[in-house]
Amino acid sequence: MAPPVGGQRSQTARICVVQIYGTGEEMQIPVTVSTRTLVVKELISQKTGVHIDDMKVMAKGGPFMKELRNTDEVRSQVVIKGIDSFRRKRQQYPHPHAIIGAGHNGLRQALVFAEHKDTNFILFDRHDRIGGTSWLDHANVWSKVQTELGTYHLNYSDQCECPQDMAPWPSRDDLLAHFNKVCDEWGLKPYFKMSSDVQRYEILNEGQANQCYRLYLRASTDGKEEWETTVSSLVMYPGNLTIPRREEYKGEDTFGGPISYGMFDETNYGALQGKNVAIVGFGAFAVENIRTCCEHRSGKIYLVCRRKNLCMPRMVSWWINGSIFPIASSDVLREMEDVYKMVGDDPWSYYAVHSNEARTNVTIFQKARFGIGDIYFLSRYYGKTEVVLGTIKKVSEATLHLEDGKRLENVQAVLKLFGFVPDWAVDKFLQLKHLTGLWVNGDFRIGTMSEFPTVNAQRFGGTSLSPGAVSWCNIFYYFWSYPKDFEKMIATGMLAKHFPNMQKDEPGYVLDAQMGSQVLISISGLCPGLVEVIAKYDDRFKREKQCPGTASCF
């Protein structure tokens, strides 16, 4: 085999110490004896954002300093001109960044600004207090966090400690108090404009370097006061699926008992004591309502659904959120087998499970997110809860009539939990033609993110919101800070686009689990600088938050 052109190059490792001209700042770069100057320039360019043509690498040559050519072997001690610091300069903006939504994600975005000691932001929300649609409008006083506190709280970052004064599964009111406490401790509330409904926006100086946006707002208290403000960017956190699905049954007026929705504080659970209850639906809210009905000593519970969704015992959720590596779907199902057998069921038989014959290659694809809780299984084991497959055709006095002819008799209350549908008004507000990655119409200044409403996984890295939210919020902040990296990422053409689909009733702002995961993987793979920021929030970090003091044991 012929030797390479120029002869064999030494691969012996060494360190190159690079010092910035006129300062004492220096950086050590691992290189080999044969590393060329161009390689060092490219590494520094990647870190600082300064183009390699604007740099000069100097090394001592006798009594003088000599500029090294790109093809020269880099010396072990060099001086670089053309940069002021190895720390990148963040893009400066004349107007604040707008955050729309004061739920978990919007508040976490505000915290990312605060953690970077950046006060150039403003948060708008139509409610008069923080908490967001999910916790202020949809949840009721009996609602609790279904996943564990360790991975669902605002302090999920390397600059905060986990809350110490809360239950492992805090209630709605405890969580809202936590949100307020964190915002007060970080001094965020002066930057919040509550009771402010953002109606629309207008692009100013479109296509220019100083492009910005005029927001038109209306007071949500009386709807009369209107005003405008100019912002440099905006990110919208509209929540997951935000419009409750509603349905009326024929004969409801003859039923003779309460029929309500098991959310919004609409149901008087105290009045269900001793009464047989039909819960219609099988999403996470329906599973939670089984617990709430048991807590209020209801009678028999019928869970009426078209098909059974997988539910997850709390210990399995805790195990996943405390793991230092993603857990295979096959292992998750095996860990759930015993509790399903206890209630005469088999998780492998569910529609959501797609597996090879050996059950070694498994994908869980489910239209709804997991309901997480032990009371669902315990109440089925003791015969208090019965799962009824079917669709309600009509109701009569104390009776539900199903499409297949079956009847549920002596039912004294009905709780409807049909889930949620997306809001096309979000697409309209965002003027969304397509979502490129997480950005509206490919504009890095306008982003949106919602938790994926489905499950589609071969491995599970978590079941909770906060680990994802801290990454999403840092992604938006990073590209506002370094827009040239966004341009490079977009130029690859590898970031997926998502278009609204009217026929399937799928607005563009909602990504399902499969596409959403692909987008996040692509963003990380296409931007090494971003990885430096979010890599610290890995599975070891998650484990430390879930089980403090144990991550170092692995």
Protein backbone atom coordinates (compact mmCIF):
# COMPACT_ATOMS: atom_id res chain seq x y z
CA MET A 1 0.00 0.00 0.00
CA ALA A 2 1.42 3.37 -1.04
CA PRO A 3 2.12 5.90 1.75
CA PRO A 4 -0.10 9.00 1.86
CA VAL A 5 0.90 12.08 -0.10
CA GLY A 6 3.43 14.05 1.92
CA GLY A 7 4.45 10.99 3.91
CA GLN A 8 3.12 9.40 7.06
CA ARG A 9 1.73 11.94 9.54
CA SER A 10 2.28 11.55 13.25
CA GLN A 11 -0.82 10.90 15.35
CA THR A 12 0.95 11.43 18.67
CA ALA A 13 -1.34 13.38 21.01
CA ARG A 14 -0.36 16.75 22.43
CA ILE A 15 -1.97 19.96 23.70
CA CYS A 16 -2.16 23.24 21.81
CA VAL A 17 -2.46 26.29 24.09
CA VAL A 18 -4.25 29.12 22.28
CA GLN A 19 -4.06 32.61 23.81
CA ILE A 20 -6.11 35.58 22.64
CA TYR A 21 -3.91 38.52 21.63
CA GLY A 22 -3.95 41.35 24.14
CA THR A 23 -5.70 39.35 26.88
CA GLY A 24 -4.77 36.62 29.30
CA GLU A 25 -7.59 34.38 28.15
CA GLU A 26 -6.41 31.05 26.84
CA MET A 27 -7.81 27.67 25.89
CA GLN A 28 -6.24 24.23 25.65
CA ILE A 29 -7.14 22.15 22.60
CA PRO A 30 -6.24 18.44 22.28
CA VAL A 31 -4.45 17.93 18.95
CA THR A 32 -1.90 15.61 17.36
CA VAL A 33 1.61 16.43 16.16
CA SER A 34 0.31 16.65 12.59
CA THR A 35 -2.78 18.81 13.27
CA ARG A 36 -2.97 21.73 10.85
CA THR A 37 -3.71 25.32 11.80
CA LEU A 38 -6.95 25.25 9.81
CA VAL A 39 -8.37 22.56 12.11
CA VAL A 40 -7.74 24.74 15.17
CA LYS A 41 -9.31 27.73 13.44
CA GLU A 42 -12.40 25.71 12.58
CA LEU A 43 -12.79 24.53 16.18
CA ILE A 44 -12.51 28.08 17.48
CA SER A 45 -14.87 29.35 14.78
CA GLN A 46 -17.42 26.74 15.79
CA LYS A 47 -17.19 27.81 19.41
CA THR A 48 -17.11 31.60 18.95
CA GLY A 49 -19.03 32.13 15.71
CA VAL A 50 -16.15 34.15 14.20
CA HIS A 51 -15.37 33.21 10.60
CA ILE A 52 -11.98 31.53 10.04
CA ASP A 53 -11.00 34.20 7.47
CA ASP A 54 -11.22 36.82 10.22
CA MET A 55 -8.68 34.99 12.41
CA LYS A 56 -4.91 35.05 12.41
CA VAL A 57 -2.93 32.40 14.26
CA MET A 58 0.53 33.57 15.28
CA ALA A 59 3.48 31.63 16.64
CA LYS A 60 6.94 32.68 17.73
CA GLY A 61 9.63 32.35 15.02
CA GLY A 62 12.93 33.48 16.47
CA PRO A 63 12.63 37.01 17.89
CA PHE A 64 9.41 37.71 15.93
CA MET A 65 5.82 36.50 15.76
CA LYS A 66 4.93 34.74 12.53
CA GLU A 67 1.47 34.10 11.07
CA LEU A 68 0.85 30.41 10.47
CA ARG A 69 -0.74 29.36 7.22
CA ASN A 70 -3.79 27.10 7.27
CA THR A 71 -1.67 24.21 6.01
CA ASP A 72 1.06 24.61 8.62
CA GLU A 73 1.26 22.27 11.57
CA VAL A 74 -0.09 24.19 14.51
CA ARG A 75 2.44 24.96 17.25
CA SER A 76 1.95 23.98 20.87
CA GLN A 77 1.86 27.65 21.90
CA VAL A 78 0.02 30.09 19.63
CA VAL A 79 -1.59 33.52 19.80
CA ILE A 80 -4.81 34.26 17.96
CA LYS A 81 -6.00 37.62 16.62
CA GLY A 82 -9.48 38.53 15.42
CA ILE A 83 -11.50 37.43 18.44
CA ASP A 84 -12.14 39.19 21.74
CA SER A 85 -13.07 36.14 23.80
CA PHE A 86 -13.60 32.42 23.53
CA ARG A 87 -17.09 33.09 24.81
CA ARG A 88 -19.53 33.77 22.02
CA LYS A 89 -21.16 37.16 21.81
CA ARG A 90 -24.91 36.91 22.02
CA GLN A 91 -27.02 38.75 19.48
CA GLN A 92 -28.39 41.98 20.95
CA TYR A 93 -31.98 43.04 20.36
CA PRO A 94 -33.57 46.50 20.61
CA HIS A 95 -36.93 45.14 21.76
CA PRO A 96 -37.85 42.47 24.31
CA HIS A 97 -38.53 38.84 23.47
CA ALA A 98 -42.19 37.92 23.97
CA ILE A 99 -43.29 34.75 25.77
CA ILE A 100 -46.96 33.91 25.28
CA GLY A 101 -48.34 31.62 27.96
CA ALA A 102 -47.72 31.47 31.72
CA GLY A 103 -48.01 27.72 32.14
CA HIS A 104 -45.15 25.40 33.02
CA ASN A 105 -43.32 25.91 29.70
CA GLY A 106 -43.77 29.67 29.51
CA LEU A 107 -42.51 30.09 33.08
CA ARG A 108 -39.55 27.80 32.35
CA GLN A 109 -38.71 30.00 29.32
CA ALA A 110 -38.73 33.06 31.58
CA LEU A 111 -36.42 31.21 33.98
CA VAL A 112 -33.99 30.47 31.14
CA PHE A 113 -33.72 34.23 30.56
CA ALA A 114 -33.19 34.79 34.28
CA GLU A 115 -30.55 32.06 34.49
CA HIS A 116 -28.61 33.86 31.74
CA LYS A 117 -29.05 37.15 33.63
CA ASP A 118 -31.01 38.45 30.66
CA THR A 119 -33.98 40.68 31.47
CA ASN A 120 -34.89 41.55 27.88
CA PHE A 121 -38.16 39.61 27.85
CA ILE A 122 -41.84 40.06 28.57
CA LEU A 123 -44.45 37.38 29.27
CA PHE A 124 -48.13 37.69 28.33
CA ASP A 125 -51.05 35.56 29.48
CA ARG A 126 -54.80 36.03 29.19
CA HIS A 127 -55.36 34.73 32.73
CA ASP A 128 -55.05 37.00 35.76
CA ARG A 129 -52.61 34.59 37.44
CA ILE A 130 -49.90 32.18 36.42
CA GLY A 131 -50.45 28.47 35.88
CA GLY A 132 -51.61 28.12 32.28
CA THR A 133 -54.66 26.53 30.71
CA SER A 134 -53.93 23.00 31.92
CA TRP A 135 -53.74 23.84 35.61
CA LEU A 136 -56.09 26.85 35.79
CA ASP A 137 -58.86 25.80 33.42
CA HIS A 138 -58.77 22.03 32.90
CA ALA A 139 -57.61 20.65 36.24
CA ASN A 140 -59.90 20.54 39.26
CA VAL A 141 -59.15 20.93 42.94
CA TRP A 142 -58.59 17.16 43.24
CA SER A 143 -56.13 16.94 40.33
CA LYS A 144 -52.56 15.89 41.05
CA VAL A 145 -49.34 15.57 39.10
CA GLN A 146 -49.43 12.02 37.73
CA THR A 147 -45.66 11.78 37.32
CA GLU A 148 -43.22 12.37 40.16
CA LEU A 149 -42.29 15.73 41.65
CA GLY A 150 -38.59 15.05 40.94
CA THR A 151 -39.18 15.48 37.21
CA TYR A 152 -42.13 17.87 37.23
CA HIS A 153 -41.31 21.26 38.71
CA LEU A 154 -39.97 24.65 37.64
CA ASN A 155 -36.62 24.14 39.39
CA TYR A 156 -35.54 21.53 36.86
CA SER A 157 -32.19 23.05 35.86
CA ASP A 158 -28.57 23.04 36.98
CA GLN A 159 -29.09 26.36 38.80
CA CYS A 160 -31.93 25.24 41.06
CA GLU A 161 -32.58 22.63 43.71
CA CYS A 162 -35.62 20.36 43.76
CA PRO A 163 -38.50 21.61 45.93
CA GLN A 164 -38.22 20.23 49.46
CA ASP A 165 -41.61 21.28 50.82
CA MET A 166 -43.94 19.42 48.48
CA ALA A 167 -45.54 15.98 48.29
CA PRO A 168 -44.20 13.44 45.75
CA TRP A 169 -47.41 13.89 43.74
CA PRO A 170 -48.49 17.48 44.45
CA SER A 171 -52.05 18.69 43.98
CA ARG A 172 -53.10 21.40 41.57
CA ASP A 173 -53.12 24.05 44.27
CA ASP A 174 -49.74 22.96 45.65
CA LEU A 175 -48.26 23.14 42.18
CA LEU A 176 -49.69 26.61 41.53
CA ALA A 177 -48.22 27.75 44.86
CA HIS A 178 -44.85 26.32 43.75
CA PHE A 179 -45.04 28.22 40.45
CA ASN A 180 -45.65 31.47 42.33
CA LYS A 181 -42.90 30.81 44.86
CA VAL A 182 -40.27 30.16 42.17
CA CYS A 183 -41.30 33.25 40.20
CA ASP A 184 -41.07 35.38 43.35
CA GLU A 185 -37.66 33.96 44.27
CA TRP A 186 -36.27 34.74 40.82
CA GLY A 187 -37.94 38.16 40.61
CA LEU A 188 -39.81 37.30 37.41
CA LYS A 189 -43.23 38.80 38.02
CA PRO A 190 -42.30 42.41 37.09
CA TYR A 191 -41.78 41.07 33.56
CA PHE A 192 -45.24 39.46 33.42
CA LYS A 193 -48.25 41.15 31.83
CA MET A 194 -51.24 39.16 33.05
CA SER A 195 -54.83 39.54 31.81
CA SER A 196 -53.29 40.37 28.44
CA ASP A 197 -54.73 38.54 25.44
CA VAL A 198 -52.43 38.77 22.42
CA GLN A 199 -54.78 39.11 19.45
CA ARG A 200 -52.41 39.15 16.48
CA TYR A 201 -49.01 40.29 15.31
CA GLU A 202 -47.62 42.22 12.38
CA ILE A 203 -44.14 41.80 10.87
CA LEU A 204 -42.10 44.99 10.73
CA ASN A 205 -39.01 45.47 8.51
CA GLU A 206 -39.64 42.05 6.98
CA GLY A 207 -36.54 40.38 5.56
CA GLN A 208 -34.17 42.90 7.11
CA ALA A 209 -31.64 42.40 9.88
CA ASN A 210 -33.78 44.50 12.24
CA GLN A 211 -36.99 42.56 11.58
CA CYS A 212 -39.35 42.77 14.55
CA TYR A 213 -43.04 42.38 15.37
CA ARG A 214 -45.88 44.57 16.53
CA LEU A 215 -48.22 42.77 18.95
CA TYR A 216 -51.85 43.85 19.28
CA LEU A 217 -53.27 43.11 22.72
CA ARG A 218 -56.57 43.35 24.51
CA ALA A 219 -57.32 43.24 28.23
CA SER A 220 -58.98 39.91 28.98
CA THR A 221 -60.74 41.35 32.04
CA ASP A 222 -63.24 43.60 30.26
CA GLY A 223 -62.19 43.20 26.61
CA LYS A 224 -62.25 46.94 26.10
CA GLU A 225 -58.73 48.19 26.70
CA GLU A 226 -56.44 47.65 23.71
CA TRP A 227 -52.79 48.47 23.15
CA GLU A 228 -49.76 47.66 21.02
CA THR A 229 -46.15 46.79 21.74
CA THR A 230 -43.09 45.92 19.66
CA VAL A 231 -41.02 42.80 20.29
CA SER A 232 -37.93 41.32 18.65
CA SER A 233 -39.19 37.73 18.75
CA LEU A 234 -41.96 35.63 20.21
CA VAL A 235 -42.45 32.09 21.40
CA MET A 236 -45.89 30.67 22.06
CA TYR A 237 -46.64 27.85 24.47
CA PRO A 238 -50.33 27.12 23.83
CA GLY A 239 -50.42 23.97 25.93
CA ASN A 240 -51.05 20.47 24.62
CA LEU A 241 -54.48 19.95 23.12
CA THR A 242 -56.47 22.78 24.61
CA ILE A 243 -60.13 22.45 23.59
CA PRO A 244 -62.11 19.87 25.59
CA ARG A 245 -64.02 17.46 23.39
CA ARG A 246 -67.74 17.67 24.19
CA GLU A 247 -70.62 15.38 23.32
CA GLU A 248 -74.29 15.25 24.29
CA TYR A 249 -76.21 11.96 24.53
CA LYS A 250 -79.79 11.44 23.53
CA GLY A 251 -81.99 11.20 26.61
CA GLU A 252 -79.76 13.06 29.08
CA ASP A 253 -82.80 14.93 30.38
CA THR A 254 -84.34 11.61 31.48
CA PHE A 255 -81.26 10.17 33.17
CA GLY A 256 -82.18 11.44 36.63
CA GLY A 257 -78.65 11.93 37.96
CA PRO A 258 -75.70 14.27 37.50
CA ILE A 259 -73.97 14.24 34.11
CA SER A 260 -70.87 16.41 34.02
CA TYR A 261 -67.33 16.73 32.75
CA GLY A 262 -64.69 15.43 35.18
CA MET A 263 -62.60 18.57 34.99
CA PHE A 264 -62.91 22.39 35.31
CA ASP A 265 -64.19 22.00 38.92
CA GLU A 266 -67.55 21.25 37.28
CA THR A 267 -68.25 18.03 39.20
CA ASN A 268 -69.36 17.90 42.84
CA TYR A 269 -67.48 14.73 43.80
CA GLY A 270 -68.89 14.83 47.31
CA ALA A 271 -72.33 14.15 45.84
CA LEU A 272 -71.04 10.90 44.28
CA GLN A 273 -70.60 9.12 47.63
CA GLY A 274 -72.25 5.70 47.44
CA LYS A 275 -73.38 6.23 43.84
CA ASN A 276 -72.49 4.07 40.86
CA VAL A 277 -70.53 6.16 38.39
CA ALA A 278 -69.80 5.75 34.69
CA ILE A 279 -66.58 7.42 33.54
CA VAL A 280 -66.61 7.79 29.76
CA GLY A 281 -63.19 7.90 28.09
CA PHE A 282 -59.79 6.36 28.73
CA GLY A 283 -57.23 9.15 28.74
CA ALA A 284 -55.08 10.33 31.63
CA PHE A 285 -57.92 12.50 33.01
CA ALA A 286 -60.26 9.50 33.05
CA VAL A 287 -57.73 7.41 34.98
CA GLU A 288 -57.30 10.27 37.45
CA ASN A 289 -61.07 10.46 37.95
CA ILE A 290 -61.11 6.82 39.07
CA ARG A 291 -58.83 7.83 41.93
CA THR A 292 -60.94 10.89 42.72
CA CYS A 293 -64.15 8.84 42.79
CA CYS A 294 -62.52 6.28 45.11
CA GLU A 295 -61.32 9.08 47.40
CA HIS A 296 -64.93 10.30 47.63
CA ARG A 297 -66.24 6.77 48.33
CA SER A 298 -68.36 6.38 45.24
CA GLY A 299 -70.03 3.06 44.51
CA LYS A 300 -69.26 0.90 41.47
CA ILE A 301 -67.22 2.58 38.74
CA TYR A 302 -67.70 1.71 35.07
CA LEU A 303 -64.93 2.89 32.75
CA VAL A 304 -66.66 3.04 29.36
CA CYS A 305 -64.32 3.27 26.38
CA ARG A 306 -64.04 2.32 22.70
CA ARG A 307 -60.67 0.62 23.33
CA LYS A 308 -58.29 0.18 26.20
CA ASN A 309 -55.23 2.40 26.51
CA LEU A 310 -52.14 1.29 28.39
CA CYS A 311 -51.90 2.68 31.90
CA MET A 312 -48.70 2.74 33.90
CA PRO A 313 -48.16 1.91 37.59
CA ARG A 314 -46.40 4.63 39.55
CA MET A 315 -43.37 2.47 40.29
CA VAL A 316 -42.71 1.91 36.59
CA SER A 317 -42.93 5.65 35.95
CA TRP A 318 -40.56 6.29 38.88
CA TRP A 319 -38.16 3.67 37.47
CA ILE A 320 -38.11 5.27 34.02
CA ASN A 321 -37.63 8.80 35.35
CA GLY A 322 -34.83 7.61 37.64
CA SER A 323 -32.95 5.62 35.01
CA ILE A 324 -29.58 6.77 33.66
CA PHE A 325 -30.38 5.36 30.23
CA PRO A 326 -33.58 5.06 28.14
CA ILE A 327 -35.48 1.86 28.92
CA ALA A 328 -36.62 -0.44 26.12
CA SER A 329 -40.38 -0.70 25.58
CA SER A 330 -40.12 -4.47 25.95
CA ASP A 331 -38.68 -4.04 29.46
CA VAL A 332 -41.36 -1.51 30.35
CA LEU A 333 -44.08 -3.96 29.37
CA ARG A 334 -42.43 -6.81 31.27
CA GLU A 335 -42.35 -4.67 34.40
CA MET A 336 -46.06 -3.99 33.97
CA GLU A 337 -47.04 -7.63 33.34
CA ASP A 338 -47.61 -8.59 36.99
CA VAL A 339 -49.97 -5.76 37.80
CA TYR A 340 -51.94 -6.40 34.60
CA LYS A 341 -52.15 -10.13 35.39
CA MET A 342 -53.47 -9.16 38.81
CA VAL A 343 -56.54 -7.68 37.11
CA GLY A 344 -56.84 -10.47 34.53
CA ASP A 345 -55.34 -8.49 31.69
CA ASP A 346 -52.31 -8.70 29.38
CA PRO A 347 -50.49 -5.50 28.33
CA TRP A 348 -49.02 -7.27 25.29
CA SER A 349 -52.52 -7.67 23.84
CA TYR A 350 -53.28 -3.93 23.71
CA TYR A 351 -53.69 -2.18 20.36
CA ALA A 352 -50.81 0.16 21.19
CA VAL A 353 -48.22 -2.64 21.36
CA HIS A 354 -46.40 -3.65 18.16
CA SER A 355 -43.91 -6.45 18.70
CA ASN A 356 -42.02 -9.23 16.97
CA GLU A 357 -42.81 -12.81 17.98
CA ALA A 358 -39.91 -12.97 20.43
CA ARG A 359 -41.05 -9.70 22.08
CA THR A 360 -37.55 -8.28 21.79
CA ASN A 361 -38.34 -5.51 19.33
CA VAL A 362 -41.29 -3.51 20.62
CA THR A 363 -42.87 -0.18 19.70
CA ILE A 364 -45.64 1.35 21.77
CA PHE A 365 -47.83 3.59 19.63
CA GLN A 366 -50.79 5.01 21.50
CA LYS A 367 -53.13 7.83 20.55
CA ALA A 368 -53.27 9.09 24.14
CA ARG A 369 -50.59 9.64 26.73
CA PHE A 370 -50.31 7.18 29.61
CA GLY A 371 -52.58 7.49 32.56
CA ILE A 372 -50.25 6.92 35.52
CA GLY A 373 -51.51 5.66 38.86
CA ASP A 374 -51.96 2.63 41.08
CA ILE A 375 -55.60 3.18 42.09
CA TYR A 376 -56.75 2.20 38.59
CA PHE A 377 -55.23 -1.27 39.05
CA LEU A 378 -56.21 -1.67 42.70
CA SER A 379 -59.82 -0.68 42.08
CA ARG A 380 -60.05 -3.19 39.22
CA TYR A 381 -58.49 -5.91 41.41
CA TYR A 382 -61.06 -5.39 44.17
CA GLY A 383 -63.94 -5.25 41.68
CA LYS A 384 -64.75 -1.61 42.31
CA THR A 385 -63.87 -0.58 38.75
CA GLU A 386 -64.97 -2.45 35.65
CA VAL A 387 -63.75 -1.64 32.13
CA VAL A 388 -66.60 -1.73 29.62
CA LEU A 389 -65.73 -1.69 25.93
CA GLY A 390 -68.35 0.08 23.86
CA THR A 391 -69.84 3.38 22.71
CA ILE A 392 -72.82 5.00 24.38
CA LYS A 393 -75.78 5.35 22.02
CA LYS A 394 -78.24 6.97 24.41
CA VAL A 395 -79.19 7.20 28.06
CA SER A 396 -82.41 6.67 29.93
CA GLU A 397 -83.30 6.69 33.62
CA ALA A 398 -80.22 5.35 35.48
CA THR A 399 -79.24 3.39 32.35
CA LEU A 400 -76.62 3.67 29.61
CA HIS A 401 -77.45 2.04 26.28
CA LEU A 402 -74.44 0.97 24.21
CA GLU A 403 -74.21 0.70 20.43
CA ASP A 404 -73.82 -3.11 20.62
CA GLY A 405 -77.11 -3.50 22.50
CA LYS A 406 -75.65 -3.89 25.99
CA ARG A 407 -77.03 -1.86 28.88
CA LEU A 408 -75.42 -0.57 32.06
CA GLU A 409 -78.15 -0.30 34.66
CA ASN A 410 -78.35 1.35 38.06
CA VAL A 411 -75.85 4.02 37.01
CA GLN A 412 -76.45 7.15 39.06
CA ALA A 413 -73.83 9.57 37.67
CA VAL A 414 -71.87 10.07 34.46
CA LEU A 415 -68.49 11.77 34.13
CA LYS A 416 -67.48 12.66 30.60
CA LEU A 417 -63.77 12.71 29.80
CA PHE A 418 -63.44 12.67 26.04
CA GLY A 419 -60.01 14.24 25.91
CA PHE A 420 -59.00 17.35 24.03
CA VAL A 421 -58.66 18.55 20.45
CA PRO A 422 -56.17 21.06 19.02
CA ASP A 423 -57.06 24.71 18.53
CA TRP A 424 -56.93 26.00 14.96
CA ALA A 425 -56.89 29.53 16.39
CA VAL A 426 -53.25 28.93 17.32
CA ASP A 427 -52.31 28.36 13.67
CA LYS A 428 -54.30 31.44 12.69
CA PHE A 429 -52.60 33.63 15.29
CA LEU A 430 -49.13 32.37 14.35
CA GLN A 431 -49.91 32.91 10.64
CA LEU A 432 -48.54 29.40 10.27
CA LYS A 433 -48.07 28.00 6.77
CA HIS A 434 -45.67 25.34 7.94
CA LEU A 435 -43.59 24.52 10.98
CA THR A 436 -39.90 24.05 10.17
CA GLY A 437 -38.64 22.14 13.17
CA LEU A 438 -40.11 24.23 15.99
CA TRP A 439 -40.18 27.50 14.06
CA VAL A 440 -43.10 29.15 12.31
CA ASN A 441 -42.52 29.40 8.57
CA GLY A 442 -38.79 28.87 9.14
CA ASP A 443 -38.39 32.15 11.11
CA PHE A 444 -36.02 31.65 14.06
CA ARG A 445 -37.66 34.60 15.82
CA ILE A 446 -41.07 32.87 16.07
CA GLY A 447 -41.24 29.51 17.81
CA THR A 448 -43.90 27.31 19.32
CA MET A 449 -43.87 24.09 21.28
CA SER A 450 -46.48 21.80 22.80
CA GLU A 451 -46.03 18.52 24.59
CA PHE A 452 -46.57 15.68 22.13
CA PRO A 453 -50.13 14.31 22.56
CA THR A 454 -49.32 10.72 21.54
CA VAL A 455 -46.91 7.94 22.54
CA ASN A 456 -44.62 6.43 19.89
CA ALA A 457 -41.49 4.89 21.34
CA GLN A 458 -39.18 1.90 21.36
CA ARG A 459 -37.41 3.33 24.39
CA PHE A 460 -38.55 5.57 27.23
CA GLY A 461 -36.31 8.25 28.68
CA GLY A 462 -39.03 9.76 30.84
CA THR A 463 -42.74 10.19 31.46
CA SER A 464 -42.69 13.77 32.71
CA LEU A 465 -42.69 17.27 31.23
CA SER A 466 -39.84 19.16 32.87
CA PRO A 467 -36.85 17.31 31.30
CA GLY A 468 -38.19 18.08 27.84
CA ALA A 469 -39.21 21.64 28.69
CA VAL A 470 -35.77 22.70 29.91
CA SER A 471 -34.30 21.57 26.57
CA TRP A 472 -36.99 23.21 24.42
CA CYS A 473 -36.64 26.53 26.21
CA ASN A 474 -32.85 26.49 25.93
CA ILE A 475 -33.16 25.67 22.21
CA PHE A 476 -35.22 28.79 21.55
CA TYR A 477 -32.93 30.97 23.67
CA TYR A 478 -29.81 29.58 21.98
CA PHE A 479 -30.92 30.41 18.45
CA TRP A 480 -32.09 33.88 19.48
CA SER A 481 -28.60 34.36 20.88
CA TYR A 482 -26.75 32.86 17.90
CA PRO A 483 -28.92 33.24 14.79
CA LYS A 484 -26.03 32.35 12.45
CA ASP A 485 -26.17 28.81 13.80
CA PHE A 486 -29.84 28.71 12.86
CA GLU A 487 -28.99 29.78 9.31
CA LYS A 488 -26.43 26.97 9.05
CA MET A 489 -28.94 24.45 10.36
CA ILE A 490 -31.67 25.53 7.96
CA ALA A 491 -29.21 25.50 5.04
CA THR A 492 -28.73 21.75 5.45
CA GLY A 493 -32.35 21.16 4.44
CA MET A 494 -32.51 18.35 7.01
CA LEU A 495 -35.03 19.92 9.40
CA ALA A 496 -38.49 18.43 8.86
CA LYS A 497 -41.46 20.59 7.93
CA HIS A 498 -44.94 20.01 9.30
CA PHE A 499 -47.97 21.34 7.44
CA PRO A 500 -51.53 21.83 8.68
CA ASN A 501 -53.93 19.10 7.54
CA MET A 502 -57.54 20.24 7.40
CA GLN A 503 -58.88 16.82 6.36
CA LYS A 504 -57.39 15.12 9.42
CA ASP A 505 -58.13 18.11 11.68
CA GLU A 506 -54.43 18.48 12.48
CA PRO A 507 -53.19 22.06 12.92
CA GLY A 508 -49.57 22.68 12.05
CA TYR A 509 -48.48 23.67 15.56
CA VAL A 510 -49.10 20.17 17.00
CA LEU A 511 -46.39 17.57 16.38
CA ASP A 512 -47.04 13.94 17.19
CA ALA A 513 -44.51 11.95 19.20
CA GLN A 514 -42.78 10.41 16.18
CA MET A 515 -42.20 13.62 14.24
CA GLY A 516 -41.50 15.65 17.35
CA SER A 517 -38.77 13.25 18.47
CA GLN A 518 -37.21 13.28 15.00
CA VAL A 519 -37.19 17.09 14.98
CA LEU A 520 -35.45 17.32 18.36
CA ILE A 521 -32.85 14.73 17.35
CA SER A 522 -32.17 16.62 14.11
CA ILE A 523 -31.77 19.97 15.89
CA SER A 524 -29.20 18.52 18.29
CA GLY A 525 -27.33 16.72 15.51
CA LEU A 526 -27.15 19.78 13.27
CA CYS A 527 -25.88 22.24 15.87
CA PRO A 528 -22.87 21.15 17.97
CA GLY A 529 -22.87 24.45 19.86
CA LEU A 530 -26.38 23.79 21.11
CA VAL A 531 -25.36 20.33 22.31
CA GLU A 532 -22.85 21.98 24.66
CA VAL A 533 -25.78 23.79 26.29
CA ILE A 534 -28.36 21.02 26.59
CA ALA A 535 -26.10 17.96 27.00
CA LYS A 536 -25.85 18.66 30.72
CA TYR A 537 -29.56 17.86 31.02
CA ASP A 538 -28.95 14.19 30.26
CA ASP A 539 -30.28 11.06 31.94
CA ARG A 540 -27.74 11.32 34.77
CA PHE A 541 -29.00 14.82 35.51
CA LYS A 542 -32.59 13.52 35.43
CA ARG A 543 -31.68 10.75 37.86
CA GLU A 544 -30.07 13.23 40.23
CA LYS A 545 -33.27 15.29 40.26
CA GLN A 546 -35.42 12.20 40.74
CA CYS A 547 -33.16 10.52 43.30
CA PRO A 548 -30.73 13.11 44.77
CA GLY A 549 -27.29 11.74 45.56
CA THR A 550 -27.56 8.56 43.47
CA ALA A 551 -26.40 9.60 39.99
CA SER A 552 -22.74 9.41 41.00
CA CYS A 553 -23.23 5.75 41.98
CA PHE A 554 -23.56 4.72 38.34
